Amino acid sequence: MISKPRRHCTVELQALPSRIGQVRRIVSAQLRYWHLDPLIDQAALGVTELLSNVHRHAEPDKMCTVEIELLLDRLTVSVRDNDPRLPVVRDAEPSATCGRGLAMVAAVSESWGARPHGESGKVVWFTLPAHAEPVTVPKHSWFDTGHRPAARRRGRAEHTPARSAVAG
């Protein structure tokens, strides 16, 4: 049996607001590279919430490591920091402006958790199912009819605008 190779990406950073946006773009670009576009929104939201918690709560510093790993059909996103205190899910009041991050992570992920890491740190993680969708050609495409799109018949290639993998 041949299995898909493990895919892995690690980013080390100080969890400051400006860096959180950069890491979100890095995670999105990596998932595009792995052809996991349907997971981008969930992964970006989850990693943003976990990094915001590091920024808000971690002591003695805000240094952390974000890891994304695709193993078979499961994407795991984890954030490791230097604070041994494990996170606690709170019931936020309806008018509260914070306190819903872990509940949001739980809502968008398949599973999540936290565990101690070494003597003075922790890892908070979540998983997403990564099922590859087969690429299909529409039933009535020009491949079936033998007709080519007008732009191709005239000798001009159709233009599809380029899209940056990492937005500015």
C-alpha atoms as a PDB file:
ATOM      1  CA  MET A   1       0.000   0.000   0.000  1.00  0.00           C
ATOM      2  CA  ILE A   2       1.335   3.413  -0.948  1.00  0.00           C
ATOM      3  CA  SER A   3       0.410   6.252   1.379  1.00  0.00           C
ATOM      4  CA  LYS A   4       0.719   9.981   0.976  1.00  0.00           C
ATOM      5  CA  PRO A   5       3.920  11.435   2.420  1.00  0.00           C
ATOM      6  CA  ARG A   6       3.747  13.511   5.553  1.00  0.00           C
ATOM      7  CA  ARG A   7       3.692  17.243   4.950  1.00  0.00           C
ATOM      8  CA  HIS A   8       4.939  19.580   7.637  1.00  0.00           C
ATOM      9  CA  CYS A   9       5.495  23.323   8.093  1.00  0.00           C
ATOM     10  CA  THR A  10       6.795  25.185  11.160  1.00  0.00           C
ATOM     11  CA  VAL A  11       6.869  28.924  11.881  1.00  0.00           C
ATOM     12  CA  GLU A  12       8.497  30.444  14.973  1.00  0.00           C
ATOM     13  CA  LEU A  13       7.384  33.904  16.028  1.00  0.00           C
ATOM     14  CA  GLN A  14       6.626  36.354  18.762  1.00  0.00           C
ATOM     15  CA  ALA A  15       2.803  36.477  19.056  1.00  0.00           C
ATOM     16  CA  LEU A  16       2.286  40.168  18.394  1.00  0.00           C
ATOM     17  CA  PRO A  17      -0.782  41.409  16.488  1.00  0.00           C
ATOM     18  CA  SER A  18       1.232  42.280  13.360  1.00  0.00           C
ATOM     19  CA  ARG A  19       2.858  38.848  13.289  1.00  0.00           C
ATOM     20  CA  ILE A  20      -0.457  37.011  13.749  1.00  0.00           C
ATOM     21  CA  GLY A  21      -1.684  38.328  10.389  1.00  0.00           C
ATOM     22  CA  GLN A  22       1.558  37.264   8.728  1.00  0.00           C
ATOM     23  CA  VAL A  23       1.299  33.738  10.115  1.00  0.00           C
ATOM     24  CA  ARG A  24      -2.331  33.506   8.991  1.00  0.00           C
ATOM     25  CA  ARG A  25      -1.180  34.365   5.441  1.00  0.00           C
ATOM     26  CA  ILE A  26       1.671  31.824   5.654  1.00  0.00           C
ATOM     27  CA  VAL A  27      -0.730  29.071   6.766  1.00  0.00           C
ATOM     28  CA  SER A  28      -3.143  29.994   3.955  1.00  0.00           C
ATOM     29  CA  ALA A  29      -0.359  29.929   1.357  1.00  0.00           C
ATOM     30  CA  GLN A  30       0.921  26.572   2.612  1.00  0.00           C
ATOM     31  CA  LEU A  31      -2.554  25.036   2.415  1.00  0.00           C
ATOM     32  CA  ARG A  32      -2.946  26.382  -1.141  1.00  0.00           C
ATOM     33  CA  TYR A  33       0.401  24.793  -2.022  1.00  0.00           C
ATOM     34  CA  TRP A  34      -0.845  21.473  -0.623  1.00  0.00           C
ATOM     35  CA  HIS A  35      -4.099  21.898  -2.604  1.00  0.00           C
ATOM     36  CA  LEU A  36      -6.163  22.128   0.587  1.00  0.00           C
ATOM     37  CA  ASP A  37      -7.975  25.349  -0.289  1.00  0.00           C
ATOM     38  CA  PRO A  38     -11.273  24.254   1.359  1.00  0.00           C
ATOM     39  CA  LEU A  39      -9.489  24.210   4.758  1.00  0.00           C
ATOM     40  CA  ILE A  40      -8.007  27.708   4.569  1.00  0.00           C
ATOM     41  CA  ASP A  41     -10.796  29.610   6.335  1.00  0.00           C
ATOM     42  CA  GLN A  42     -11.094  27.148   9.217  1.00  0.00           C
ATOM     43  CA  ALA A  43      -7.319  26.848   9.679  1.00  0.00           C
ATOM     44  CA  ALA A  44      -6.793  30.617   9.483  1.00  0.00           C
ATOM     45  CA  LEU A  45      -9.529  31.268  12.053  1.00  0.00           C
ATOM     46  CA  GLY A  46      -8.207  28.582  14.391  1.00  0.00           C
ATOM     47  CA  VAL A  47      -4.573  29.674  14.236  1.00  0.00           C
ATOM     48  CA  THR A  48      -5.611  33.316  14.721  1.00  0.00           C
ATOM     49  CA  GLU A  49      -7.518  32.412  17.897  1.00  0.00           C
ATOM     50  CA  LEU A  50      -4.669  30.298  19.291  1.00  0.00           C
ATOM     51  CA  LEU A  51      -2.081  32.999  18.585  1.00  0.00           C
ATOM     52  CA  SER A  52      -4.348  35.663  20.077  1.00  0.00           C
ATOM     53  CA  ASN A  53      -4.464  33.582  23.261  1.00  0.00           C
ATOM     54  CA  VAL A  54      -0.662  33.438  23.349  1.00  0.00           C
ATOM     55  CA  HIS A  55      -0.516  37.209  22.870  1.00  0.00           C
ATOM     56  CA  ARG A  56      -3.120  37.821  25.567  1.00  0.00           C
ATOM     57  CA  HIS A  57      -2.155  35.231  28.195  1.00  0.00           C
ATOM     58  CA  ALA A  58       1.286  33.636  27.736  1.00  0.00           C
ATOM     59  CA  GLU A  59       4.064  34.392  30.197  1.00  0.00           C
ATOM     60  CA  PRO A  60       7.038  34.900  30.573  1.00  0.00           C
ATOM     61  CA  ASP A  61       7.223  35.842  26.879  1.00  0.00           C
ATOM     62  CA  LYS A  62       5.158  35.733  23.688  1.00  0.00           C
ATOM     63  CA  MET A  63       7.487  33.410  21.760  1.00  0.00           C
ATOM     64  CA  CYS A  64       5.727  30.468  20.161  1.00  0.00           C
ATOM     65  CA  THR A  65       5.897  27.925  17.363  1.00  0.00           C
ATOM     66  CA  VAL A  66       3.078  27.233  14.923  1.00  0.00           C
ATOM     67  CA  GLU A  67       3.099  23.822  13.271  1.00  0.00           C
ATOM     68  CA  ILE A  68       0.855  22.547  10.540  1.00  0.00           C
ATOM     69  CA  GLU A  69       1.050  18.911   9.600  1.00  0.00           C
ATOM     70  CA  LEU A  70      -0.841  16.871   7.060  1.00  0.00           C
ATOM     71  CA  LEU A  71      -0.737  13.177   7.765  1.00  0.00           C
ATOM     72  CA  LEU A  72      -2.956  10.985   5.624  1.00  0.00           C
ATOM     73  CA  ASP A  73      -6.352  12.703   5.674  1.00  0.00           C
ATOM     74  CA  ARG A  74      -5.921  14.820   8.793  1.00  0.00           C
ATOM     75  CA  LEU A  75      -4.550  18.349   9.111  1.00  0.00           C
ATOM     76  CA  THR A  76      -3.258  19.252  12.569  1.00  0.00           C
ATOM     77  CA  VAL A  77      -2.528  22.862  13.491  1.00  0.00           C
ATOM     78  CA  SER A  78      -0.708  23.415  16.782  1.00  0.00           C
ATOM     79  CA  VAL A  79       0.743  26.335  18.712  1.00  0.00           C
ATOM     80  CA  ARG A  80       3.459  25.728  21.300  1.00  0.00           C
ATOM     81  CA  ASP A  81       4.420  28.421  23.816  1.00  0.00           C
ATOM     82  CA  ASN A  82       6.509  28.803  26.978  1.00  0.00           C
ATOM     83  CA  ASP A  83       3.643  29.105  29.475  1.00  0.00           C
ATOM     84  CA  PRO A  84       2.747  25.867  31.289  1.00  0.00           C
ATOM     85  CA  ARG A  85      -0.796  27.016  32.177  1.00  0.00           C
ATOM     86  CA  LEU A  86      -3.327  25.054  30.124  1.00  0.00           C
ATOM     87  CA  PRO A  87      -6.183  27.034  28.568  1.00  0.00           C
ATOM     88  CA  VAL A  88      -9.668  26.917  30.041  1.00  0.00           C
ATOM     89  CA  VAL A  89     -12.838  27.216  27.975  1.00  0.00           C
ATOM     90  CA  ARG A  90     -15.049  29.865  29.532  1.00  0.00           C
ATOM     91  CA  ASP A  91     -18.706  30.653  29.105  1.00  0.00           C
ATOM     92  CA  ALA A  92     -18.635  34.203  27.810  1.00  0.00           C
ATOM     93  CA  GLU A  93     -21.469  36.572  28.603  1.00  0.00           C
ATOM     94  CA  PRO A  94     -23.435  37.653  25.520  1.00  0.00           C
ATOM     95  CA  SER A  95     -22.049  41.194  25.806  1.00  0.00           C
ATOM     96  CA  ALA A  96     -18.434  40.091  26.414  1.00  0.00           C
ATOM     97  CA  THR A  97     -15.864  41.252  23.852  1.00  0.00           C
ATOM     98  CA  CYS A  98     -13.495  38.336  24.443  1.00  0.00           C
ATOM     99  CA  GLY A  99     -13.463  34.827  25.861  1.00  0.00           C
ATOM    100  CA  ARG A 100     -14.884  32.913  22.907  1.00  0.00           C
ATOM    101  CA  GLY A 101     -11.670  31.908  21.134  1.00  0.00           C
ATOM    102  CA  LEU A 102     -11.436  28.290  22.229  1.00  0.00           C
ATOM    103  CA  ALA A 103     -15.170  27.800  21.721  1.00  0.00           C
ATOM    104  CA  MET A 104     -14.711  29.032  18.139  1.00  0.00           C
ATOM    105  CA  VAL A 105     -11.780  26.668  17.633  1.00  0.00           C
ATOM    106  CA  ALA A 106     -13.927  23.806  18.923  1.00  0.00           C
ATOM    107  CA  ALA A 107     -16.792  24.831  16.623  1.00  0.00           C
ATOM    108  CA  VAL A 108     -14.743  24.905  13.396  1.00  0.00           C
ATOM    109  CA  SER A 109     -12.500  21.903  14.072  1.00  0.00           C
ATOM    110  CA  GLU A 110     -12.960  18.165  14.170  1.00  0.00           C
ATOM    111  CA  SER A 111     -11.172  17.972  17.526  1.00  0.00           C
ATOM    112  CA  TRP A 112      -8.907  20.122  19.681  1.00  0.00           C
ATOM    113  CA  GLY A 113      -6.931  19.900  22.889  1.00  0.00           C
ATOM    114  CA  ALA A 114      -4.022  21.083  24.989  1.00  0.00           C
ATOM    115  CA  ARG A 115      -1.150  19.236  26.616  1.00  0.00           C
ATOM    116  CA  PRO A 116       1.932  20.143  28.630  1.00  0.00           C
ATOM    117  CA  HIS A 117       5.170  20.431  26.673  1.00  0.00           C
ATOM    118  CA  GLY A 118       8.318  19.877  28.665  1.00  0.00           C
ATOM    119  CA  GLU A 119       8.536  21.467  32.089  1.00  0.00           C
ATOM    120  CA  SER A 120       7.590  24.993  31.131  1.00  0.00           C
ATOM    121  CA  GLY A 121       5.308  25.047  28.141  1.00  0.00           C
ATOM    122  CA  LYS A 122       2.230  23.728  26.433  1.00  0.00           C
ATOM    123  CA  VAL A 123       0.844  22.840  23.025  1.00  0.00           C
ATOM    124  CA  VAL A 124      -2.698  23.752  21.989  1.00  0.00           C
ATOM    125  CA  TRP A 125      -3.872  22.027  18.806  1.00  0.00           C
ATOM    126  CA  PHE A 126      -6.853  21.355  16.566  1.00  0.00           C
ATOM    127  CA  THR A 127      -7.518  18.989  13.667  1.00  0.00           C
ATOM    128  CA  LEU A 128      -9.436  19.283  10.418  1.00  0.00           C
ATOM    129  CA  PRO A 129     -10.407  16.466   8.058  1.00  0.00           C
ATOM    130  CA  ALA A 130      -8.503  16.800   4.780  1.00  0.00           C
ATOM    131  CA  HIS A 131     -10.388  14.820   2.172  1.00  0.00           C
ATOM    132  CA  ALA A 132      -9.102  15.377  -1.334  1.00  0.00           C
ATOM    133  CA  GLU A 133     -11.887  16.093  -3.794  1.00  0.00           C
ATOM    134  CA  PRO A 134     -11.396  14.567  -7.251  1.00  0.00           C
ATOM    135  CA  VAL A 135     -11.075  17.017 -10.113  1.00  0.00           C
ATOM    136  CA  THR A 136     -13.785  16.430 -12.694  1.00  0.00           C
ATOM    137  CA  VAL A 137     -14.320  17.915 -16.117  1.00  0.00           C
ATOM    138  CA  PRO A 138     -17.824  19.362 -16.612  1.00  0.00           C
ATOM    139  CA  LYS A 139     -20.014  17.082 -18.703  1.00  0.00           C
ATOM    140  CA  HIS A 140     -20.482  19.619 -21.509  1.00  0.00           C
ATOM    141  CA  SER A 141     -16.997  21.035 -21.717  1.00  0.00           C
ATOM    142  CA  TRP A 142     -15.156  21.766 -24.934  1.00  0.00           C
ATOM    143  CA  PHE A 143     -13.218  18.531 -24.345  1.00  0.00           C
ATOM    144  CA  ASP A 144     -16.401  16.538 -25.035  1.00  0.00           C
ATOM    145  CA  THR A 145     -17.540  18.517 -28.073  1.00  0.00           C
ATOM    146  CA  GLY A 146     -14.211  18.975 -29.770  1.00  0.00           C
ATOM    147  CA  HIS A 147     -14.864  22.730 -29.908  1.00  0.00           C
ATOM    148  CA  ARG A 148     -12.365  25.047 -28.372  1.00  0.00           C
ATOM    149  CA  PRO A 149     -13.177  28.319 -26.627  1.00  0.00           C
ATOM    150  CA  ALA A 150     -13.203  31.325 -28.955  1.00  0.00           C
ATOM    151  CA  ALA A 151     -10.097  32.889 -27.399  1.00  0.00           C
ATOM    152  CA  ARG A 152      -8.104  29.743 -28.114  1.00  0.00           C
ATOM    153  CA  ARG A 153      -9.381  29.479 -31.698  1.00  0.00           C
ATOM    154  CA  ARG A 154      -8.063  32.961 -32.412  1.00  0.00           C
ATOM    155  CA  GLY A 155      -4.634  31.924 -31.174  1.00  0.00           C
ATOM    156  CA  ARG A 156      -4.760  33.890 -27.936  1.00  0.00           C
ATOM    157  CA  ALA A 157      -4.411  32.144 -24.631  1.00  0.00           C
ATOM    158  CA  GLU A 158      -7.203  32.808 -22.167  1.00  0.00           C
ATOM    159  CA  HIS A 159      -6.000  35.021 -19.382  1.00  0.00           C
ATOM    160  CA  THR A 160      -6.631  34.098 -15.786  1.00  0.00           C
ATOM    161  CA  PRO A 161      -5.462  36.779 -13.367  1.00  0.00           C
ATOM    162  CA  ALA A 162      -2.588  35.697 -11.146  1.00  0.00           C
ATOM    163  CA  ARG A 163      -3.357  35.433  -7.459  1.00  0.00           C
ATOM    164  CA  SER A 164      -0.700  35.973  -4.860  1.00  0.00           C
ATOM    165  CA  ALA A 165      -0.302  33.117  -2.398  1.00  0.00           C
ATOM    166  CA  VAL A 166       0.623  35.582   0.320  1.00  0.00           C
ATOM    167  CA  ALA A 167      -1.376  38.785   0.374  1.00  0.00           C
ATOM    168  CA  GLY A 168       0.365  41.989   1.402  1.00  0.00           C
END
